[in-house]
Amino acid sequence: MSFNWSCNHTWKRSAKNTAWCLLGCAIGDFGTILYFQITGIPWPVLAIMTLAIINGLITSIILETIILIKQNFKFKDALKTALGMSFISMVGMEVAMNLTDYLLTGGAMLTWWVVPIMLTVGFLTPWPYNYWRLKKFGIACH
């Protein structure tokens, strides 16, 4: 059986799922980078980006768990679903966003021009995986 990459409905659904994931990741990630940028705390770039990735993962899991609870999931099931179905997507998204930031700014810096690029790369990186997972297993977080 061959896999179908041309289902418009699945691309739209996976785009919606990816956008929710991106929102959750961006909150923790950008918040962390902005905090260090504003305070000037002299941490190494790798340490800031590592913390930003961890915080992005945490805020994304929290957001997705809340969304699932609002869809009548029990807390335990919502958390398990958010962790199990989205974690690979979130890690790919976070690494892509931070690598883009580093390559374009030379550090962990939010500027008016880098944020849209980071968000675009963060969205596009896991989107095909999210499509594949939704198409193959017929499951989604949202």
C-alpha atoms as a PDB file:
ATOM      1  CA  MET A   1       0.000   0.000   0.000  1.00  0.00           C
ATOM      2  CA  SER A   2       1.492   3.336  -1.034  1.00  0.00           C
ATOM      3  CA  PHE A   3       1.391   6.432   1.118  1.00  0.00           C
ATOM      4  CA  ASN A   4      -0.626   9.419  -0.135  1.00  0.00           C
ATOM      5  CA  TRP A   5       1.059  12.810   0.270  1.00  0.00           C
ATOM      6  CA  SER A   6      -1.618  14.686  -1.697  1.00  0.00           C
ATOM      7  CA  CYS A   7      -4.581  14.804   0.695  1.00  0.00           C
ATOM      8  CA  ASN A   8      -5.597  18.461   1.062  1.00  0.00           C
ATOM      9  CA  HIS A   9      -7.766  17.750   4.111  1.00  0.00           C
ATOM     10  CA  THR A  10      -4.855  16.125   5.955  1.00  0.00           C
ATOM     11  CA  TRP A  11      -2.473  18.950   4.988  1.00  0.00           C
ATOM     12  CA  LYS A  12      -4.953  21.488   6.400  1.00  0.00           C
ATOM     13  CA  ARG A  13      -5.499  19.507   9.591  1.00  0.00           C
ATOM     14  CA  SER A  14      -1.780  18.943  10.089  1.00  0.00           C
ATOM     15  CA  ALA A  15      -1.136  22.658   9.473  1.00  0.00           C
ATOM     16  CA  LYS A  16      -3.596  23.508  12.247  1.00  0.00           C
ATOM     17  CA  ASN A  17      -1.912  21.019  14.605  1.00  0.00           C
ATOM     18  CA  THR A  18       1.527  22.371  13.701  1.00  0.00           C
ATOM     19  CA  ALA A  19       0.400  25.963  14.293  1.00  0.00           C
ATOM     20  CA  TRP A  20      -0.825  25.117  17.821  1.00  0.00           C
ATOM     21  CA  CYS A  21       2.464  23.391  18.523  1.00  0.00           C
ATOM     22  CA  LEU A  22       4.368  26.406  17.187  1.00  0.00           C
ATOM     23  CA  LEU A  23       2.417  28.774  19.422  1.00  0.00           C
ATOM     24  CA  GLY A  24       3.221  26.699  22.492  1.00  0.00           C
ATOM     25  CA  CYS A  25       6.885  26.323  21.590  1.00  0.00           C
ATOM     26  CA  ALA A  26       7.315  30.003  20.731  1.00  0.00           C
ATOM     27  CA  ILE A  27       5.925  31.191  24.071  1.00  0.00           C
ATOM     28  CA  GLY A  28       8.572  29.398  26.136  1.00  0.00           C
ATOM     29  CA  ASP A  29      11.382  29.701  23.622  1.00  0.00           C
ATOM     30  CA  PHE A  30      11.030  33.384  22.790  1.00  0.00           C
ATOM     31  CA  GLY A  31      10.254  34.258  26.395  1.00  0.00           C
ATOM     32  CA  THR A  32      13.518  32.691  27.538  1.00  0.00           C
ATOM     33  CA  ILE A  33      15.624  34.336  24.833  1.00  0.00           C
ATOM     34  CA  LEU A  34      13.966  37.711  25.483  1.00  0.00           C
ATOM     35  CA  TYR A  35      14.581  37.400  29.230  1.00  0.00           C
ATOM     36  CA  PHE A  36      18.316  36.875  28.717  1.00  0.00           C
ATOM     37  CA  GLN A  37      18.414  39.577  26.048  1.00  0.00           C
ATOM     38  CA  ILE A  38      16.767  42.149  28.342  1.00  0.00           C
ATOM     39  CA  THR A  39      18.613  41.259  31.550  1.00  0.00           C
ATOM     40  CA  GLY A  40      22.017  40.800  29.932  1.00  0.00           C
ATOM     41  CA  ILE A  41      22.791  37.814  32.146  1.00  0.00           C
ATOM     42  CA  PRO A  42      26.092  36.521  30.735  1.00  0.00           C
ATOM     43  CA  TRP A  43      25.205  32.914  29.931  1.00  0.00           C
ATOM     44  CA  PRO A  44      26.815  31.116  26.991  1.00  0.00           C
ATOM     45  CA  VAL A  45      24.659  31.057  23.853  1.00  0.00           C
ATOM     46  CA  LEU A  46      24.388  27.260  23.946  1.00  0.00           C
ATOM     47  CA  ALA A  47      23.107  27.371  27.543  1.00  0.00           C
ATOM     48  CA  ILE A  48      20.488  30.008  26.685  1.00  0.00           C
ATOM     49  CA  MET A  49      19.328  28.073  23.632  1.00  0.00           C
ATOM     50  CA  THR A  50      19.185  24.807  25.554  1.00  0.00           C
ATOM     51  CA  LEU A  51      17.050  26.447  28.240  1.00  0.00           C
ATOM     52  CA  ALA A  52      14.907  28.084  25.532  1.00  0.00           C
ATOM     53  CA  ILE A  53      14.300  24.686  23.906  1.00  0.00           C
ATOM     54  CA  ILE A  54      13.387  23.084  27.232  1.00  0.00           C
ATOM     55  CA  ASN A  55      11.024  25.943  28.110  1.00  0.00           C
ATOM     56  CA  GLY A  56       9.491  25.820  24.631  1.00  0.00           C
ATOM     57  CA  LEU A  57       8.820  22.100  25.028  1.00  0.00           C
ATOM     58  CA  ILE A  58       7.256  22.658  28.452  1.00  0.00           C
ATOM     59  CA  THR A  59       4.961  25.480  27.322  1.00  0.00           C
ATOM     60  CA  SER A  60       3.912  23.544  24.222  1.00  0.00           C
ATOM     61  CA  ILE A  61       3.041  20.475  26.284  1.00  0.00           C
ATOM     62  CA  ILE A  62       1.068  22.654  28.717  1.00  0.00           C
ATOM     63  CA  LEU A  63      -0.847  24.372  25.896  1.00  0.00           C
ATOM     64  CA  GLU A  64      -1.644  21.109  24.118  1.00  0.00           C
ATOM     65  CA  THR A  65      -2.729  19.488  27.374  1.00  0.00           C
ATOM     66  CA  ILE A  66      -5.111  22.400  28.042  1.00  0.00           C
ATOM     67  CA  ILE A  67      -6.529  22.150  24.517  1.00  0.00           C
ATOM     68  CA  LEU A  68      -7.146  18.429  24.958  1.00  0.00           C
ATOM     69  CA  ILE A  69      -8.772  18.934  28.375  1.00  0.00           C
ATOM     70  CA  LYS A  70     -11.140  21.434  26.734  1.00  0.00           C
ATOM     71  CA  GLN A  71     -11.994  18.617  24.301  1.00  0.00           C
ATOM     72  CA  ASN A  72     -13.117  16.492  27.291  1.00  0.00           C
ATOM     73  CA  PHE A  73      -9.922  14.500  27.809  1.00  0.00           C
ATOM     74  CA  LYS A  74      -9.053  13.615  31.374  1.00  0.00           C
ATOM     75  CA  PHE A  75      -5.870  15.339  32.559  1.00  0.00           C
ATOM     76  CA  LYS A  76      -3.772  12.154  32.543  1.00  0.00           C
ATOM     77  CA  ASP A  77      -4.941  11.187  29.047  1.00  0.00           C
ATOM     78  CA  ALA A  78      -4.461  14.741  27.762  1.00  0.00           C
ATOM     79  CA  LEU A  79      -0.912  14.922  29.084  1.00  0.00           C
ATOM     80  CA  LYS A  80      -0.050  11.464  27.746  1.00  0.00           C
ATOM     81  CA  THR A  81      -1.437  12.366  24.311  1.00  0.00           C
ATOM     82  CA  ALA A  82       0.383  15.708  24.190  1.00  0.00           C
ATOM     83  CA  LEU A  83       3.670  14.054  25.165  1.00  0.00           C
ATOM     84  CA  GLY A  84       3.332  10.998  22.960  1.00  0.00           C
ATOM     85  CA  MET A  85       2.009  12.475  19.755  1.00  0.00           C
ATOM     86  CA  SER A  86       3.731  15.822  19.608  1.00  0.00           C
ATOM     87  CA  PHE A  87       7.116  15.451  21.258  1.00  0.00           C
ATOM     88  CA  ILE A  88       9.102  14.584  18.113  1.00  0.00           C
ATOM     89  CA  SER A  89       7.407  17.434  16.290  1.00  0.00           C
ATOM     90  CA  MET A  90       8.182  19.870  19.122  1.00  0.00           C
ATOM     91  CA  VAL A  91      11.844  18.866  19.359  1.00  0.00           C
ATOM     92  CA  GLY A  92      12.304  19.285  15.594  1.00  0.00           C
ATOM     93  CA  MET A  93      10.534  22.624  15.718  1.00  0.00           C
ATOM     94  CA  GLU A  94      12.608  23.903  18.640  1.00  0.00           C
ATOM     95  CA  VAL A  95      15.948  22.831  17.199  1.00  0.00           C
ATOM     96  CA  ALA A  96      15.082  24.368  13.822  1.00  0.00           C
ATOM     97  CA  MET A  97      14.021  27.686  15.364  1.00  0.00           C
ATOM     98  CA  ASN A  98      17.103  28.007  17.556  1.00  0.00           C
ATOM     99  CA  LEU A  99      19.496  26.928  14.842  1.00  0.00           C
ATOM    100  CA  THR A 100      17.934  29.523  12.527  1.00  0.00           C
ATOM    101  CA  ASP A 101      18.341  32.197  15.209  1.00  0.00           C
ATOM    102  CA  TYR A 102      21.971  31.267  15.755  1.00  0.00           C
ATOM    103  CA  LEU A 103      22.825  31.113  12.041  1.00  0.00           C
ATOM    104  CA  LEU A 104      21.166  34.463  11.277  1.00  0.00           C
ATOM    105  CA  THR A 105      22.085  36.506  14.360  1.00  0.00           C
ATOM    106  CA  GLY A 106      25.166  34.720  15.652  1.00  0.00           C
ATOM    107  CA  GLY A 107      23.591  34.203  19.044  1.00  0.00           C
ATOM    108  CA  ALA A 108      20.383  33.899  20.999  1.00  0.00           C
ATOM    109  CA  MET A 109      18.752  37.159  19.911  1.00  0.00           C
ATOM    110  CA  LEU A 110      15.271  38.201  18.966  1.00  0.00           C
ATOM    111  CA  THR A 111      15.147  40.970  16.380  1.00  0.00           C
ATOM    112  CA  TRP A 112      12.222  42.262  14.340  1.00  0.00           C
ATOM    113  CA  TRP A 113      13.455  40.500  11.225  1.00  0.00           C
ATOM    114  CA  VAL A 114      14.568  37.140  12.635  1.00  0.00           C
ATOM    115  CA  VAL A 115      11.350  36.246  14.509  1.00  0.00           C
ATOM    116  CA  PRO A 116       9.205  35.718  11.355  1.00  0.00           C
ATOM    117  CA  ILE A 117      11.969  33.603   9.817  1.00  0.00           C
ATOM    118  CA  MET A 118      12.296  31.514  12.986  1.00  0.00           C
ATOM    119  CA  LEU A 119       8.529  30.980  13.078  1.00  0.00           C
ATOM    120  CA  THR A 120       8.416  29.999   9.403  1.00  0.00           C
ATOM    121  CA  VAL A 121      11.264  27.502   9.768  1.00  0.00           C
ATOM    122  CA  GLY A 122       9.753  26.247  13.026  1.00  0.00           C
ATOM    123  CA  PHE A 123       6.450  25.609  11.249  1.00  0.00           C
ATOM    124  CA  LEU A 124       7.813  24.048   8.057  1.00  0.00           C
ATOM    125  CA  THR A 125      10.270  21.662   9.736  1.00  0.00           C
ATOM    126  CA  PRO A 126       7.770  19.378  11.545  1.00  0.00           C
ATOM    127  CA  TRP A 127       4.772  19.903   9.232  1.00  0.00           C
ATOM    128  CA  PRO A 128       5.481  16.918   6.917  1.00  0.00           C
ATOM    129  CA  TYR A 129       6.014  14.673   9.961  1.00  0.00           C
ATOM    130  CA  ASN A 130       2.707  15.850  11.420  1.00  0.00           C
ATOM    131  CA  TYR A 131       0.989  15.145   8.080  1.00  0.00           C
ATOM    132  CA  TRP A 132       2.533  11.672   7.909  1.00  0.00           C
ATOM    133  CA  ARG A 133       1.564  10.834  11.464  1.00  0.00           C
ATOM    134  CA  LEU A 134      -1.997  12.056  10.990  1.00  0.00           C
ATOM    135  CA  LYS A 135      -2.367  10.235   7.672  1.00  0.00           C
ATOM    136  CA  LYS A 136      -0.752   6.986   8.807  1.00  0.00           C
ATOM    137  CA  PHE A 137      -2.415   6.686  12.207  1.00  0.00           C
ATOM    138  CA  GLY A 138      -5.498   8.875  11.752  1.00  0.00           C
ATOM    139  CA  ILE A 139      -4.729  10.625  15.019  1.00  0.00           C
ATOM    140  CA  ALA A 140      -4.083  14.195  16.009  1.00  0.00           C
ATOM    141  CA  CYS A 141      -3.634  16.188  19.166  1.00  0.00           C
ATOM    142  CA  HIS A 142      -6.211  18.828  18.278  1.00  0.00           C
END
